[in-house]
Amino acid sequence: MRDPKRIFRIMKLISKIWKANPDLRLSQLLLNAIREDMFTYWLEDDNLENALKYTYNIYCKKDNDKLQPKCCKKV
């Protein structure tokens, strides 16, 4: 059985990224986080969670100002 706590963790990551990038559509956010070589239908939740963590760390952490798009810098 999959860990039910994963749902909150994943949704929390999506929420943080989306709030920092409100102009993105949800599908854009998810596709930006998922590599092209990941087949999304079979993508395990832990792999999605790791991809979202990577996306958050690159684009939304305050200490990465040089890498952040303008939409993240205001958060």
PDB file of N, CA and C in Angstrom:
ATOM      1  N   MET A   1       0.832  -1.183   0.000  1.00  0.00           N
ATOM      2  CA  MET A   1       0.000   0.000   0.000  1.00  0.00           C
ATOM      3  C   MET A   1       0.877   1.247   0.000  1.00  0.00           C
ATOM      4  N   ARG A   2       0.490   2.201  -0.793  1.00  0.00           N
ATOM      5  CA  ARG A   2       1.236   3.448  -0.856  1.00  0.00           C
ATOM      6  C   ARG A   2       0.954   4.298   0.382  1.00  0.00           C
ATOM      7  N   ASP A   3       1.946   5.083   0.758  1.00  0.00           N
ATOM      8  CA  ASP A   3       1.842   5.942   1.933  1.00  0.00           C
ATOM      9  C   ASP A   3       0.834   7.064   1.672  1.00  0.00           C
ATOM     10  N   PRO A   4      -0.261   7.118   2.409  1.00  0.00           N
ATOM     11  CA  PRO A   4      -1.249   8.171   2.192  1.00  0.00           C
ATOM     12  C   PRO A   4      -0.696   9.574   2.477  1.00  0.00           C
ATOM     13  N   LYS A   5       0.350   9.681   3.279  1.00  0.00           N
ATOM     14  CA  LYS A   5       0.942  10.981   3.601  1.00  0.00           C
ATOM     15  C   LYS A   5       1.590  11.630   2.384  1.00  0.00           C
ATOM     16  N   ARG A   6       1.871  10.836   1.368  1.00  0.00           N
ATOM     17  CA  ARG A   6       2.512  11.361   0.162  1.00  0.00           C
ATOM     18  C   ARG A   6       1.626  12.394  -0.525  1.00  0.00           C
ATOM     19  N   ILE A   7       0.320  12.223  -0.396  1.00  0.00           N
ATOM     20  CA  ILE A   7      -0.618  13.123  -1.068  1.00  0.00           C
ATOM     21  C   ILE A   7      -0.416  14.547  -0.569  1.00  0.00           C
ATOM     22  N   PHE A   8      -0.396  14.724   0.730  1.00  0.00           N
ATOM     23  CA  PHE A   8      -0.197  16.059   1.299  1.00  0.00           C
ATOM     24  C   PHE A   8       1.172  16.619   0.933  1.00  0.00           C
ATOM     25  N   ARG A   9       2.216  15.771   1.013  1.00  0.00           N
ATOM     26  CA  ARG A   9       3.569  16.239   0.686  1.00  0.00           C
ATOM     27  C   ARG A   9       3.647  16.745  -0.756  1.00  0.00           C
ATOM     28  N   ILE A  10       3.087  15.983  -1.680  1.00  0.00           N
ATOM     29  CA  ILE A  10       3.139  16.347  -3.091  1.00  0.00           C
ATOM     30  C   ILE A  10       2.292  17.595  -3.358  1.00  0.00           C
ATOM     31  N   MET A  11       1.105  17.650  -2.788  1.00  0.00           N
ATOM     32  CA  MET A  11       0.248  18.811  -2.993  1.00  0.00           C
ATOM     33  C   MET A  11       0.856  20.072  -2.380  1.00  0.00           C
ATOM     34  N   LYS A  12       1.555  19.914  -1.275  1.00  0.00           N
ATOM     35  CA  LYS A  12       2.228  21.057  -0.638  1.00  0.00           C
ATOM     36  C   LYS A  12       3.343  21.595  -1.553  1.00  0.00           C
ATOM     37  N   LEU A  13       4.103  20.698  -2.152  1.00  0.00           N
ATOM     38  CA  LEU A  13       5.146  21.121  -3.090  1.00  0.00           C
ATOM     39  C   LEU A  13       4.541  21.834  -4.300  1.00  0.00           C
ATOM     40  N   ILE A  14       3.498  21.258  -4.850  1.00  0.00           N
ATOM     41  CA  ILE A  14       2.832  21.886  -5.997  1.00  0.00           C
ATOM     42  C   ILE A  14       2.340  23.279  -5.602  1.00  0.00           C
ATOM     43  N   SER A  15       1.743  23.390  -4.434  1.00  0.00           N
ATOM     44  CA  SER A  15       1.226  24.667  -3.964  1.00  0.00           C
ATOM     45  C   SER A  15       2.339  25.715  -3.829  1.00  0.00           C
ATOM     46  N   LYS A  16       3.464  25.329  -3.252  1.00  0.00           N
ATOM     47  CA  LYS A  16       4.583  26.267  -3.087  1.00  0.00           C
ATOM     48  C   LYS A  16       5.103  26.751  -4.441  1.00  0.00           C
ATOM     49  N   ILE A  17       5.285  25.827  -5.353  1.00  0.00           N
ATOM     50  CA  ILE A  17       5.802  26.189  -6.680  1.00  0.00           C
ATOM     51  C   ILE A  17       4.787  27.056  -7.417  1.00  0.00           C
ATOM     52  N   TRP A  18       3.540  26.697  -7.337  1.00  0.00           N
ATOM     53  CA  TRP A  18       2.491  27.413  -8.064  1.00  0.00           C
ATOM     54  C   TRP A  18       2.305  28.825  -7.507  1.00  0.00           C
ATOM     55  N   LYS A  19       2.359  28.973  -6.178  1.00  0.00           N
ATOM     56  CA  LYS A  19       2.232  30.307  -5.571  1.00  0.00           C
ATOM     57  C   LYS A  19       3.395  31.204  -5.980  1.00  0.00           C
ATOM     58  N   ALA A  20       4.565  30.616  -6.157  1.00  0.00           N
ATOM     59  CA  ALA A  20       5.732  31.381  -6.592  1.00  0.00           C
ATOM     60  C   ALA A  20       5.702  31.679  -8.088  1.00  0.00           C
ATOM     61  N   ASN A  21       4.886  30.951  -8.819  1.00  0.00           N
ATOM     62  CA  ASN A  21       4.780  31.092 -10.279  1.00  0.00           C
ATOM     63  C   ASN A  21       3.306  31.118 -10.685  1.00  0.00           C
ATOM     64  N   PRO A  22       2.547  32.124 -10.246  1.00  0.00           N
ATOM     65  CA  PRO A  22       1.101  32.115 -10.457  1.00  0.00           C
ATOM     66  C   PRO A  22       0.669  32.215 -11.920  1.00  0.00           C
ATOM     67  N   ASP A  23       1.555  32.627 -12.796  1.00  0.00           N
ATOM     68  CA  ASP A  23       1.190  32.722 -14.208  1.00  0.00           C
ATOM     69  C   ASP A  23       1.225  31.371 -14.922  1.00  0.00           C
ATOM     70  N   LEU A  24       1.821  30.371 -14.282  1.00  0.00           N
ATOM     71  CA  LEU A  24       1.846  29.036 -14.887  1.00  0.00           C
ATOM     72  C   LEU A  24       0.487  28.366 -14.746  1.00  0.00           C
ATOM     73  N   ARG A  25       0.131  27.627 -15.752  1.00  0.00           N
ATOM     74  CA  ARG A  25      -1.020  26.732 -15.634  1.00  0.00           C
ATOM     75  C   ARG A  25      -0.523  25.472 -14.910  1.00  0.00           C
ATOM     76  N   LEU A  26      -1.435  24.752 -14.283  1.00  0.00           N
ATOM     77  CA  LEU A  26      -1.038  23.552 -13.548  1.00  0.00           C
ATOM     78  C   LEU A  26      -0.307  22.573 -14.457  1.00  0.00           C
ATOM     79  N   SER A  27      -0.819  22.368 -15.645  1.00  0.00           N
ATOM     80  CA  SER A  27      -0.170  21.419 -16.553  1.00  0.00           C
ATOM     81  C   SER A  27       1.235  21.892 -16.932  1.00  0.00           C
ATOM     82  N   GLN A  28       1.434  23.191 -17.067  1.00  0.00           N
ATOM     83  CA  GLN A  28       2.773  23.719 -17.370  1.00  0.00           C
ATOM     84  C   GLN A  28       3.725  23.458 -16.210  1.00  0.00           C
ATOM     85  N   LEU A  29       3.233  23.695 -14.998  1.00  0.00           N
ATOM     86  CA  LEU A  29       4.056  23.461 -13.815  1.00  0.00           C
ATOM     87  C   LEU A  29       4.503  22.004 -13.756  1.00  0.00           C
ATOM     88  N   LEU A  30       3.555  21.101 -13.935  1.00  0.00           N
ATOM     89  CA  LEU A  30       3.884  19.670 -13.850  1.00  0.00           C
ATOM     90  C   LEU A  30       4.818  19.239 -14.974  1.00  0.00           C
ATOM     91  N   LEU A  31       4.550  19.690 -16.183  1.00  0.00           N
ATOM     92  CA  LEU A  31       5.412  19.302 -17.303  1.00  0.00           C
ATOM     93  C   LEU A  31       6.802  19.904 -17.186  1.00  0.00           C
ATOM     94  N   ASN A  32       6.908  21.092 -16.593  1.00  0.00           N
ATOM     95  CA  ASN A  32       8.228  21.680 -16.362  1.00  0.00           C
ATOM     96  C   ASN A  32       9.014  20.875 -15.334  1.00  0.00           C
ATOM     97  N   ALA A  33       8.314  20.296 -14.371  1.00  0.00           N
ATOM     98  CA  ALA A  33       8.981  19.527 -13.311  1.00  0.00           C
ATOM     99  C   ALA A  33       9.403  18.143 -13.787  1.00  0.00           C
ATOM    100  N   ILE A  34       8.644  17.583 -14.708  1.00  0.00           N
ATOM    101  CA  ILE A  34       8.884  16.209 -15.157  1.00  0.00           C
ATOM    102  C   ILE A  34       9.797  16.223 -16.381  1.00  0.00           C
ATOM    103  N   ARG A  35      10.854  15.440 -16.302  1.00  0.00           N
ATOM    104  CA  ARG A  35      11.775  15.340 -17.441  1.00  0.00           C
ATOM    105  C   ARG A  35      11.087  14.685 -18.629  1.00  0.00           C
ATOM    106  N   GLU A  36      11.603  15.001 -19.798  1.00  0.00           N
ATOM    107  CA  GLU A  36      11.020  14.438 -21.024  1.00  0.00           C
ATOM    108  C   GLU A  36      11.101  12.920 -21.073  1.00  0.00           C
ATOM    109  N   ASP A  37      12.121  12.343 -20.448  1.00  0.00           N
ATOM    110  CA  ASP A  37      12.284  10.895 -20.522  1.00  0.00           C
ATOM    111  C   ASP A  37      11.455  10.144 -19.476  1.00  0.00           C
ATOM    112  N   MET A  38      10.694  10.871 -18.658  1.00  0.00           N
ATOM    113  CA  MET A  38       9.822  10.229 -17.671  1.00  0.00           C
ATOM    114  C   MET A  38       8.456   9.994 -18.313  1.00  0.00           C
ATOM    115  N   PHE A  39       8.044   8.766 -18.370  1.00  0.00           N
ATOM    116  CA  PHE A  39       6.729   8.458 -18.918  1.00  0.00           C
ATOM    117  C   PHE A  39       5.701   8.690 -17.813  1.00  0.00           C
ATOM    118  N   THR A  40       4.934   9.748 -17.935  1.00  0.00           N
ATOM    119  CA  THR A  40       4.120  10.213 -16.823  1.00  0.00           C
ATOM    120  C   THR A  40       3.036   9.236 -16.366  1.00  0.00           C
ATOM    121  N   TYR A  41       2.503   8.445 -17.251  1.00  0.00           N
ATOM    122  CA  TYR A  41       1.447   7.524 -16.849  1.00  0.00           C
ATOM    123  C   TYR A  41       1.945   6.518 -15.806  1.00  0.00           C
ATOM    124  N   TRP A  42       3.171   6.078 -15.965  1.00  0.00           N
ATOM    125  CA  TRP A  42       3.742   5.067 -15.058  1.00  0.00           C
ATOM    126  C   TRP A  42       4.644   5.675 -13.990  1.00  0.00           C
ATOM    127  N   LEU A  43       4.720   6.993 -13.926  1.00  0.00           N
ATOM    128  CA  LEU A  43       5.602   7.677 -12.985  1.00  0.00           C
ATOM    129  C   LEU A  43       5.144   7.438 -11.549  1.00  0.00           C
ATOM    130  N   GLU A  44       6.022   6.887 -10.752  1.00  0.00           N
ATOM    131  CA  GLU A  44       5.699   6.644  -9.346  1.00  0.00           C
ATOM    132  C   GLU A  44       5.672   7.974  -8.599  1.00  0.00           C
ATOM    133  N   ASP A  45       4.857   8.038  -7.565  1.00  0.00           N
ATOM    134  CA  ASP A  45       4.697   9.278  -6.822  1.00  0.00           C
ATOM    135  C   ASP A  45       5.995   9.762  -6.183  1.00  0.00           C
ATOM    136  N   ASP A  46       6.842   8.841  -5.734  1.00  0.00           N
ATOM    137  CA  ASP A  46       8.108   9.278  -5.139  1.00  0.00           C
ATOM    138  C   ASP A  46       9.010   9.932  -6.185  1.00  0.00           C
ATOM    139  N   ASN A  47       8.940   9.474  -7.424  1.00  0.00           N
ATOM    140  CA  ASN A  47       9.714  10.114  -8.496  1.00  0.00           C
ATOM    141  C   ASN A  47       9.148  11.498  -8.821  1.00  0.00           C
ATOM    142  N   LEU A  48       7.839  11.618  -8.832  1.00  0.00           N
ATOM    143  CA  LEU A  48       7.212  12.921  -9.041  1.00  0.00           C
ATOM    144  C   LEU A  48       7.579  13.865  -7.901  1.00  0.00           C
ATOM    145  N   GLU A  49       7.539  13.367  -6.687  1.00  0.00           N
ATOM    146  CA  GLU A  49       7.882  14.188  -5.524  1.00  0.00           C
ATOM    147  C   GLU A  49       9.329  14.681  -5.628  1.00  0.00           C
ATOM    148  N   ASN A  50      10.231  13.810  -6.026  1.00  0.00           N
ATOM    149  CA  ASN A  50      11.632  14.215  -6.193  1.00  0.00           C
ATOM    150  C   ASN A  50      11.789  15.254  -7.292  1.00  0.00           C
ATOM    151  N   ALA A  51      11.053  15.091  -8.390  1.00  0.00           N
ATOM    152  CA  ALA A  51      11.107  16.061  -9.486  1.00  0.00           C
ATOM    153  C   ALA A  51      10.570  17.412  -9.023  1.00  0.00           C
ATOM    154  N   LEU A  52       9.510  17.409  -8.236  1.00  0.00           N
ATOM    155  CA  LEU A  52       8.961  18.657  -7.718  1.00  0.00           C
ATOM    156  C   LEU A  52       9.910  19.311  -6.719  1.00  0.00           C
ATOM    157  N   LYS A  53      10.570  18.509  -5.875  1.00  0.00           N
ATOM    158  CA  LYS A  53      11.561  19.061  -4.942  1.00  0.00           C
ATOM    159  C   LYS A  53      12.701  19.721  -5.704  1.00  0.00           C
ATOM    160  N   TYR A  54      13.155  19.074  -6.754  1.00  0.00           N
ATOM    161  CA  TYR A  54      14.221  19.628  -7.582  1.00  0.00           C
ATOM    162  C   TYR A  54      13.761  20.950  -8.202  1.00  0.00           C
ATOM    163  N   THR A  55      12.563  20.963  -8.746  1.00  0.00           N
ATOM    164  CA  THR A  55      12.012  22.176  -9.348  1.00  0.00           C
ATOM    165  C   THR A  55      11.906  23.286  -8.317  1.00  0.00           C
ATOM    166  N   TYR A  56      11.425  22.971  -7.136  1.00  0.00           N
ATOM    167  CA  TYR A  56      11.310  23.960  -6.065  1.00  0.00           C
ATOM    168  C   TYR A  56      12.692  24.499  -5.688  1.00  0.00           C
ATOM    169  N   ASN A  57      13.664  23.619  -5.508  1.00  0.00           N
ATOM    170  CA  ASN A  57      14.997  24.051  -5.109  1.00  0.00           C
ATOM    171  C   ASN A  57      15.662  24.929  -6.155  1.00  0.00           C
ATOM    172  N   ILE A  58      15.427  24.650  -7.412  1.00  0.00           N
ATOM    173  CA  ILE A  58      16.041  25.435  -8.485  1.00  0.00           C
ATOM    174  C   ILE A  58      15.353  26.785  -8.663  1.00  0.00           C
ATOM    175  N   TYR A  59      14.040  26.799  -8.664  1.00  0.00           N
ATOM    176  CA  TYR A  59      13.312  28.003  -9.066  1.00  0.00           C
ATOM    177  C   TYR A  59      12.694  28.826  -7.951  1.00  0.00           C
ATOM    178  N   CYS A  60      12.596  28.290  -6.754  1.00  0.00           N
ATOM    179  CA  CYS A  60      11.821  29.006  -5.748  1.00  0.00           C
ATOM    180  C   CYS A  60      12.524  29.264  -4.426  1.00  0.00           C
ATOM    181  N   LYS A  61      13.687  28.716  -4.214  1.00  0.00           N
ATOM    182  CA  LYS A  61      14.377  28.981  -2.963  1.00  0.00           C
ATOM    183  C   LYS A  61      14.965  30.379  -3.002  1.00  0.00           C
ATOM    184  N   LYS A  62      14.855  31.089  -1.903  1.00  0.00           N
ATOM    185  CA  LYS A  62      15.291  32.482  -1.853  1.00  0.00           C
ATOM    186  C   LYS A  62      16.798  32.648  -2.029  1.00  0.00           C
ATOM    187  N   ASP A  63      17.576  31.632  -1.705  1.00  0.00           N
ATOM    188  CA  ASP A  63      19.028  31.753  -1.816  1.00  0.00           C
ATOM    189  C   ASP A  63      19.541  31.450  -3.224  1.00  0.00           C
ATOM    190  N   ASN A  64      18.648  31.199  -4.151  1.00  0.00           N
ATOM    191  CA  ASN A  64      19.046  30.923  -5.536  1.00  0.00           C
ATOM    192  C   ASN A  64      18.629  32.068  -6.457  1.00  0.00           C
ATOM    193  N   ASP A  65      18.848  33.320  -6.029  1.00  0.00           N
ATOM    194  CA  ASP A  65      18.368  34.475  -6.787  1.00  0.00           C
ATOM    195  C   ASP A  65      18.823  34.490  -8.234  1.00  0.00           C
ATOM    196  N   LYS A  66      20.018  34.025  -8.502  1.00  0.00           N
ATOM    197  CA  LYS A  66      20.523  34.070  -9.873  1.00  0.00           C
ATOM    198  C   LYS A  66      19.775  33.116 -10.797  1.00  0.00           C
ATOM    199  N   LEU A  67      19.220  32.051 -10.236  1.00  0.00           N
ATOM    200  CA  LEU A  67      18.538  31.054 -11.050  1.00  0.00           C
ATOM    201  C   LEU A  67      17.036  31.275 -11.124  1.00  0.00           C
ATOM    202  N   GLN A  68      16.505  32.161 -10.275  1.00  0.00           N
ATOM    203  CA  GLN A  68      15.073  32.299 -10.197  1.00  0.00           C
ATOM    204  C   GLN A  68      14.497  33.162 -11.308  1.00  0.00           C
ATOM    205  N   PRO A  69      13.389  32.733 -11.861  1.00  0.00           N
ATOM    206  CA  PRO A  69      12.670  33.622 -12.756  1.00  0.00           C
ATOM    207  C   PRO A  69      12.103  34.780 -11.939  1.00  0.00           C
ATOM    208  N   LYS A  70      11.747  35.859 -12.567  1.00  0.00           N
ATOM    209  CA  LYS A  70      11.246  37.033 -11.859  1.00  0.00           C
ATOM    210  C   LYS A  70      10.046  36.705 -10.982  1.00  0.00           C
ATOM    211  N   CYS A  71       9.206  35.786 -11.409  1.00  0.00           N
ATOM    212  CA  CYS A  71       8.005  35.486 -10.652  1.00  0.00           C
ATOM    213  C   CYS A  71       8.334  34.866  -9.292  1.00  0.00           C
ATOM    214  N   CYS A  72       9.462  34.219  -9.162  1.00  0.00           N
ATOM    215  CA  CYS A  72       9.830  33.615  -7.865  1.00  0.00           C
ATOM    216  C   CYS A  72      10.461  34.635  -6.933  1.00  0.00           C
ATOM    217  N   LYS A  73      11.105  35.653  -7.458  1.00  0.00           N
ATOM    218  CA  LYS A  73      11.848  36.587  -6.614  1.00  0.00           C
ATOM    219  C   LYS A  73      10.956  37.395  -5.696  1.00  0.00           C
ATOM    220  N   LYS A  74       9.691  37.553  -6.016  1.00  0.00           N
ATOM    221  CA  LYS A  74       8.810  38.341  -5.175  1.00  0.00           C
ATOM    222  C   LYS A  74       8.268  37.563  -3.987  1.00  0.00           C
ATOM    223  N   VAL A  75       8.518  36.270  -3.913  1.00  0.00           N
ATOM    224  CA  VAL A  75       8.006  35.443  -2.804  1.00  0.00           C
ATOM    225  C   VAL A  75       8.914  35.575  -1.609  1.00  0.00           C
TER     226      VAL A  75
END
